[in-house]
Amino acid sequence: MKNDKLIITINREFGSGGREIAYKLGALLDIKVYDKNVLEEIEQNLDVANKLPDEIYAIQKDILLNIASKESCIIVGRTGFHIFKDHPNVVRVLLIADYEARVNHVSEKHGITKMNARKRIAIVDKEREDYTLKYAGVSRYDARNYDFVLNVTNIPGYHVAAFLAQNVRMKFLKNL
């Protein structure tokens, strides 16, 4: 049976604005976005509080695979690029930004000093890389895992989303 559902995965550096870009892309393509917050809401009904990290990952993976079997979607993080690497209609994206732009973004968005933003970036970057290495077995920075790697430092989020939407439409030639 042919799978005609479109899956867009977005990995991003903390502070790049990737989550916001994912939601803008979702609005442009009329596709629902699933990020950590949405998955945590779904998981509340599954009683994952006492589960081990490996069990939680397996549950999240099953949730994502189930969602993708029913509808086109945008997956933010969660090793989506790896989970869907063999999906026939996947577009895998990595969004990066220059370090100081990330520091400024995190500082402004979270109302913290630049020094604290640097500390938070270091922690989140390490956590995300460790998570990806553990569950995907590859670095999230390996460009070979993606169809697009975009440095979004000097590009407004809407323009990044519009670029991705245009390329997704061209690739799949569907009424997206």
Protein backbone atom coordinates (compact mmCIF):
# COMPACT_ATOMS: atom_id res chain seq x y z
CA MET A 1 0.00 0.00 0.00
CA LYS A 2 1.37 3.37 -1.01
CA ASN A 3 1.97 5.90 1.75
CA ASP A 4 1.02 9.40 0.58
CA LYS A 5 1.42 11.13 3.93
CA LEU A 6 4.06 13.85 4.02
CA ILE A 7 6.45 13.93 6.95
CA ILE A 8 8.66 16.95 7.58
CA THR A 9 11.20 16.59 10.36
CA ILE A 10 12.87 19.62 11.84
CA ASN A 11 15.94 19.38 14.00
CA ARG A 12 17.28 22.66 15.26
CA GLU A 13 19.91 24.22 17.40
CA PHE A 14 18.61 25.68 20.64
CA GLY A 15 18.10 29.38 20.06
CA SER A 16 17.82 29.16 16.27
CA GLY A 17 14.08 29.80 16.33
CA GLY A 18 13.42 26.38 14.82
CA ARG A 19 10.25 25.63 16.78
CA GLU A 20 8.71 28.92 15.65
CA ILE A 21 9.73 28.22 12.05
CA ALA A 22 8.13 24.77 12.27
CA TYR A 23 4.82 26.30 13.33
CA LYS A 24 5.00 28.90 10.54
CA LEU A 25 5.69 26.11 8.05
CA GLY A 26 2.78 24.13 9.45
CA ALA A 27 0.48 27.11 8.94
CA LEU A 28 1.70 27.62 5.36
CA LEU A 29 1.17 23.96 4.46
CA ASP A 30 -1.85 23.39 6.71
CA ILE A 31 -0.02 20.52 8.43
CA LYS A 32 -0.09 19.89 12.18
CA VAL A 33 3.16 20.30 14.12
CA TYR A 34 4.19 17.78 16.77
CA ASP A 35 6.88 18.93 19.17
CA LYS A 36 7.91 17.94 22.69
CA ASN A 37 5.02 19.87 24.24
CA VAL A 38 2.38 18.16 22.09
CA LEU A 39 3.91 14.74 22.74
CA GLU A 40 3.93 15.38 26.48
CA GLU A 41 0.21 16.19 26.31
CA ILE A 42 -0.44 12.90 24.50
CA GLU A 43 1.75 11.01 26.96
CA GLN A 44 -0.25 12.31 29.94
CA ASN A 45 -3.00 9.89 28.93
CA LEU A 46 -0.51 7.01 28.77
CA ASP A 47 0.89 7.25 32.32
CA VAL A 48 4.58 7.48 31.40
CA ALA A 49 5.58 9.04 34.73
CA ASN A 50 7.20 5.87 36.07
CA LYS A 51 8.74 4.72 32.79
CA LEU A 52 12.45 4.54 32.07
CA PRO A 53 13.91 6.87 29.41
CA ASP A 54 14.22 4.01 26.89
CA GLU A 55 10.56 3.13 27.43
CA ILE A 56 9.52 6.75 26.99
CA TYR A 57 11.50 6.96 23.76
CA ALA A 58 9.80 3.79 22.47
CA ILE A 59 6.39 5.23 23.36
CA GLN A 60 7.18 8.53 21.62
CA LYS A 61 8.42 6.68 18.56
CA ASP A 62 5.23 4.62 18.42
CA ILE A 63 3.13 7.77 18.82
CA LEU A 64 4.99 9.48 15.96
CA LEU A 65 4.74 6.44 13.68
CA ASN A 66 1.03 6.20 14.42
CA ILE A 67 0.47 9.89 13.71
CA ALA A 68 2.45 9.67 10.47
CA SER A 69 0.39 6.69 9.31
CA LYS A 70 -2.79 8.77 9.62
CA GLU A 71 -1.85 12.29 8.58
CA SER A 72 0.83 14.49 7.12
CA CYS A 73 2.77 16.14 9.92
CA ILE A 74 5.78 18.15 10.99
CA ILE A 75 7.90 16.53 13.68
CA VAL A 76 10.15 18.83 15.70
CA GLY A 77 13.13 17.03 17.22
CA ARG A 78 12.62 13.63 18.87
CA THR A 79 15.05 12.06 16.34
CA GLY A 80 12.34 12.35 13.71
CA PHE A 81 14.99 12.58 10.99
CA HIS A 82 16.10 9.07 11.98
CA ILE A 83 12.71 7.53 12.72
CA PHE A 84 11.41 8.52 9.28
CA LYS A 85 14.63 8.16 7.29
CA ASP A 86 13.09 5.44 5.09
CA HIS A 87 9.66 7.06 4.72
CA PRO A 88 8.91 7.63 1.02
CA ASN A 89 7.62 11.19 1.54
CA VAL A 90 9.96 12.69 4.10
CA VAL A 91 11.76 16.02 4.07
CA ARG A 92 14.39 16.23 6.81
CA VAL A 93 15.56 19.70 7.89
CA LEU A 94 18.28 20.96 10.23
CA LEU A 95 18.14 24.61 11.25
CA ILE A 96 21.30 26.18 12.64
CA ALA A 97 22.30 29.72 13.58
CA ASP A 98 25.44 31.59 14.51
CA TYR A 99 26.27 31.25 18.20
CA GLU A 100 25.85 34.92 19.16
CA ALA A 101 22.50 35.09 17.36
CA ARG A 102 21.41 32.07 19.38
CA VAL A 103 22.60 33.71 22.61
CA ASN A 104 20.65 36.87 21.80
CA HIS A 105 17.51 34.91 20.88
CA VAL A 106 17.57 32.80 24.05
CA SER A 107 18.31 35.83 26.22
CA GLU A 108 15.41 37.81 24.74
CA LYS A 109 12.91 34.96 24.53
CA HIS A 110 13.49 33.69 28.08
CA GLY A 111 14.28 37.04 29.71
CA ILE A 112 17.69 35.94 30.98
CA THR A 113 21.17 37.42 30.84
CA LYS A 114 23.46 36.56 27.97
CA MET A 115 25.73 34.71 30.36
CA ASN A 116 22.81 32.53 31.49
CA ALA A 117 21.73 32.11 27.88
CA ARG A 118 25.20 30.77 27.03
CA LYS A 119 24.98 28.30 29.92
CA ARG A 120 21.51 27.19 28.86
CA ILE A 121 22.60 26.73 25.23
CA ALA A 122 25.53 24.59 26.34
CA ILE A 123 23.27 22.39 28.46
CA VAL A 124 20.51 22.01 25.88
CA ASP A 125 22.95 21.40 23.00
CA LYS A 126 24.65 18.64 25.01
CA GLU A 127 21.34 17.07 26.04
CA ARG A 128 20.06 17.06 22.46
CA GLU A 129 23.28 15.63 21.06
CA ASP A 130 23.44 12.94 23.76
CA TYR A 131 19.78 12.03 23.13
CA THR A 132 20.35 11.80 19.37
CA LEU A 133 23.50 9.73 19.74
CA LYS A 134 21.77 7.36 22.14
CA TYR A 135 18.59 6.81 20.12
CA ALA A 136 19.66 7.42 16.52
CA GLY A 137 23.29 6.37 16.77
CA VAL A 138 24.45 9.40 14.77
CA SER A 139 25.27 13.03 15.45
CA ARG A 140 22.43 15.42 14.87
CA TYR A 141 24.96 17.71 13.16
CA ASP A 142 25.79 15.21 10.41
CA ALA A 143 24.46 16.98 7.31
CA ARG A 144 24.03 13.63 5.54
CA ASN A 145 20.97 13.03 7.73
CA TYR A 146 19.06 15.91 6.13
CA ASP A 147 17.64 17.16 2.87
CA PHE A 148 18.16 20.78 3.95
CA VAL A 149 20.64 22.30 6.39
CA LEU A 150 19.92 26.00 6.71
CA ASN A 151 21.77 28.68 8.62
CA VAL A 152 18.86 30.93 9.60
CA THR A 153 20.90 33.61 11.37
CA ASN A 154 19.98 36.53 9.13
CA ILE A 155 16.75 35.23 7.63
CA PRO A 156 13.37 36.04 9.17
CA GLY A 157 11.51 32.92 10.30
CA TYR A 158 8.63 33.48 7.91
CA HIS A 159 11.04 33.53 4.95
CA VAL A 160 12.65 30.27 6.07
CA ALA A 161 9.21 28.69 6.39
CA ALA A 162 8.18 30.02 2.97
CA PHE A 163 11.37 28.65 1.40
CA LEU A 164 10.77 25.23 2.91
CA ALA A 165 7.08 25.26 1.94
CA GLN A 166 7.96 26.11 -1.67
CA ASN A 167 10.54 23.33 -1.85
CA VAL A 168 8.21 20.79 -0.25
CA ARG A 169 5.51 21.70 -2.80
CA MET A 170 7.96 21.36 -5.68
CA LYS A 171 9.27 18.03 -4.45
CA PHE A 172 5.89 16.44 -3.95
CA LEU A 173 3.85 18.33 -6.58
CA LYS A 174 0.71 17.99 -4.51
CA ASN A 175 -1.96 20.39 -3.43
CA LEU A 176 -0.03 21.49 -0.37
